[in-house]
Amino acid sequence: MIPFFSRRIGLDSLGNPVTIRYGGKFTGKAGRCNFGLLHIKDYNKWDNPGYTVGRISYHII
């Protein structure tokens, strides 16, 4: 796993723009839980499967 910085989406390692092929975001709430999922695929020189990040939070009070 590596740290995720959403401001880097669509940029290469030097900060130059890279075209985004597709992306999607899903968020929701179930009871006291909140969740979210983000997936982005861009045109990069590594041709990786994309970037995915998720989060889950729970309201205690």
C-alpha atoms as a PDB file:
ATOM      1  CA  MET A   1       0.000   0.000   0.000  1.00  0.00           C
ATOM      2  CA  ILE A   2       1.118   3.557  -0.692  1.00  0.00           C
ATOM      3  CA  PRO A   3      -0.163   6.909   0.603  1.00  0.00           C
ATOM      4  CA  PHE A   4      -3.012   8.332  -1.459  1.00  0.00           C
ATOM      5  CA  PHE A   5      -3.077  12.007  -2.453  1.00  0.00           C
ATOM      6  CA  SER A   6      -6.211  12.802  -4.485  1.00  0.00           C
ATOM      7  CA  ARG A   7      -4.668  16.014  -5.855  1.00  0.00           C
ATOM      8  CA  ARG A   8      -2.230  13.849  -7.870  1.00  0.00           C
ATOM      9  CA  ILE A   9      -5.002  12.202  -9.936  1.00  0.00           C
ATOM     10  CA  GLY A  10      -4.443  13.047 -13.589  1.00  0.00           C
ATOM     11  CA  LEU A  11      -0.787  14.023 -13.105  1.00  0.00           C
ATOM     12  CA  ASP A  12       2.375  12.068 -13.859  1.00  0.00           C
ATOM     13  CA  SER A  13       5.356  11.879 -11.484  1.00  0.00           C
ATOM     14  CA  LEU A  14       6.627  15.258 -12.749  1.00  0.00           C
ATOM     15  CA  GLY A  15       3.266  17.008 -12.342  1.00  0.00           C
ATOM     16  CA  ASN A  16       2.378  17.036 -16.045  1.00  0.00           C
ATOM     17  CA  PRO A  17      -1.279  16.390 -16.987  1.00  0.00           C
ATOM     18  CA  VAL A  18      -2.273  12.844 -17.974  1.00  0.00           C
ATOM     19  CA  THR A  19      -5.627  12.126 -19.647  1.00  0.00           C
ATOM     20  CA  ILE A  20      -8.103  10.269 -17.440  1.00  0.00           C
ATOM     21  CA  ARG A  21      -9.780   7.359 -19.276  1.00  0.00           C
ATOM     22  CA  TYR A  22     -12.595   6.861 -16.761  1.00  0.00           C
ATOM     23  CA  GLY A  23     -13.349   7.104 -13.078  1.00  0.00           C
ATOM     24  CA  GLY A  24     -16.101   6.630 -10.571  1.00  0.00           C
ATOM     25  CA  LYS A  25     -16.967   7.404  -6.986  1.00  0.00           C
ATOM     26  CA  PHE A  26     -19.419   5.615  -4.722  1.00  0.00           C
ATOM     27  CA  THR A  27     -20.416   6.880  -1.292  1.00  0.00           C
ATOM     28  CA  GLY A  28     -23.133   5.879   1.098  1.00  0.00           C
ATOM     29  CA  LYS A  29     -24.379   5.396   4.605  1.00  0.00           C
ATOM     30  CA  ALA A  30     -25.728   2.279   6.311  1.00  0.00           C
ATOM     31  CA  GLY A  31     -26.888   2.814   9.863  1.00  0.00           C
ATOM     32  CA  ARG A  32     -23.998   4.425  11.747  1.00  0.00           C
ATOM     33  CA  CYS A  33     -21.386   3.534   9.086  1.00  0.00           C
ATOM     34  CA  ASN A  34     -20.247   5.773   6.256  1.00  0.00           C
ATOM     35  CA  PHE A  35     -18.290   4.371   3.335  1.00  0.00           C
ATOM     36  CA  GLY A  36     -16.745   5.485   0.092  1.00  0.00           C
ATOM     37  CA  LEU A  37     -14.888   4.024  -2.866  1.00  0.00           C
ATOM     38  CA  LEU A  38     -13.032   5.822  -5.664  1.00  0.00           C
ATOM     39  CA  HIS A  39     -11.482   4.265  -8.777  1.00  0.00           C
ATOM     40  CA  ILE A  40      -9.625   6.123 -11.559  1.00  0.00           C
ATOM     41  CA  LYS A  41      -7.953   4.812 -14.718  1.00  0.00           C
ATOM     42  CA  ASP A  42      -5.679   7.151 -16.628  1.00  0.00           C
ATOM     43  CA  TYR A  43      -3.305   6.977 -19.584  1.00  0.00           C
ATOM     44  CA  ASN A  44       0.076   6.548 -17.919  1.00  0.00           C
ATOM     45  CA  LYS A  45       3.350   5.071 -19.101  1.00  0.00           C
ATOM     46  CA  TRP A  46       3.061   2.065 -16.743  1.00  0.00           C
ATOM     47  CA  ASP A  47      -0.357   0.919 -18.069  1.00  0.00           C
ATOM     48  CA  ASN A  48      -1.405  -0.154 -14.574  1.00  0.00           C
ATOM     49  CA  PRO A  49      -5.031  -1.195 -13.797  1.00  0.00           C
ATOM     50  CA  GLY A  50      -5.783   2.162 -12.183  1.00  0.00           C
ATOM     51  CA  TYR A  51      -5.953   3.619  -8.709  1.00  0.00           C
ATOM     52  CA  THR A  52      -8.497   2.563  -6.109  1.00  0.00           C
ATOM     53  CA  VAL A  53      -9.045   3.969  -2.638  1.00  0.00           C
ATOM     54  CA  GLY A  54     -11.709   3.244  -0.031  1.00  0.00           C
ATOM     55  CA  ARG A  55     -12.774   4.426   3.394  1.00  0.00           C
ATOM     56  CA  ILE A  56     -15.097   3.314   6.163  1.00  0.00           C
ATOM     57  CA  SER A  57     -16.036   5.321   9.243  1.00  0.00           C
ATOM     58  CA  TYR A  58     -18.312   4.564  12.175  1.00  0.00           C
ATOM     59  CA  HIS A  59     -20.148   7.107  14.324  1.00  0.00           C
ATOM     60  CA  ILE A  60     -19.579   6.261  17.984  1.00  0.00           C
ATOM     61  CA  ILE A  61     -21.784   8.934  19.552  1.00  0.00           C
END
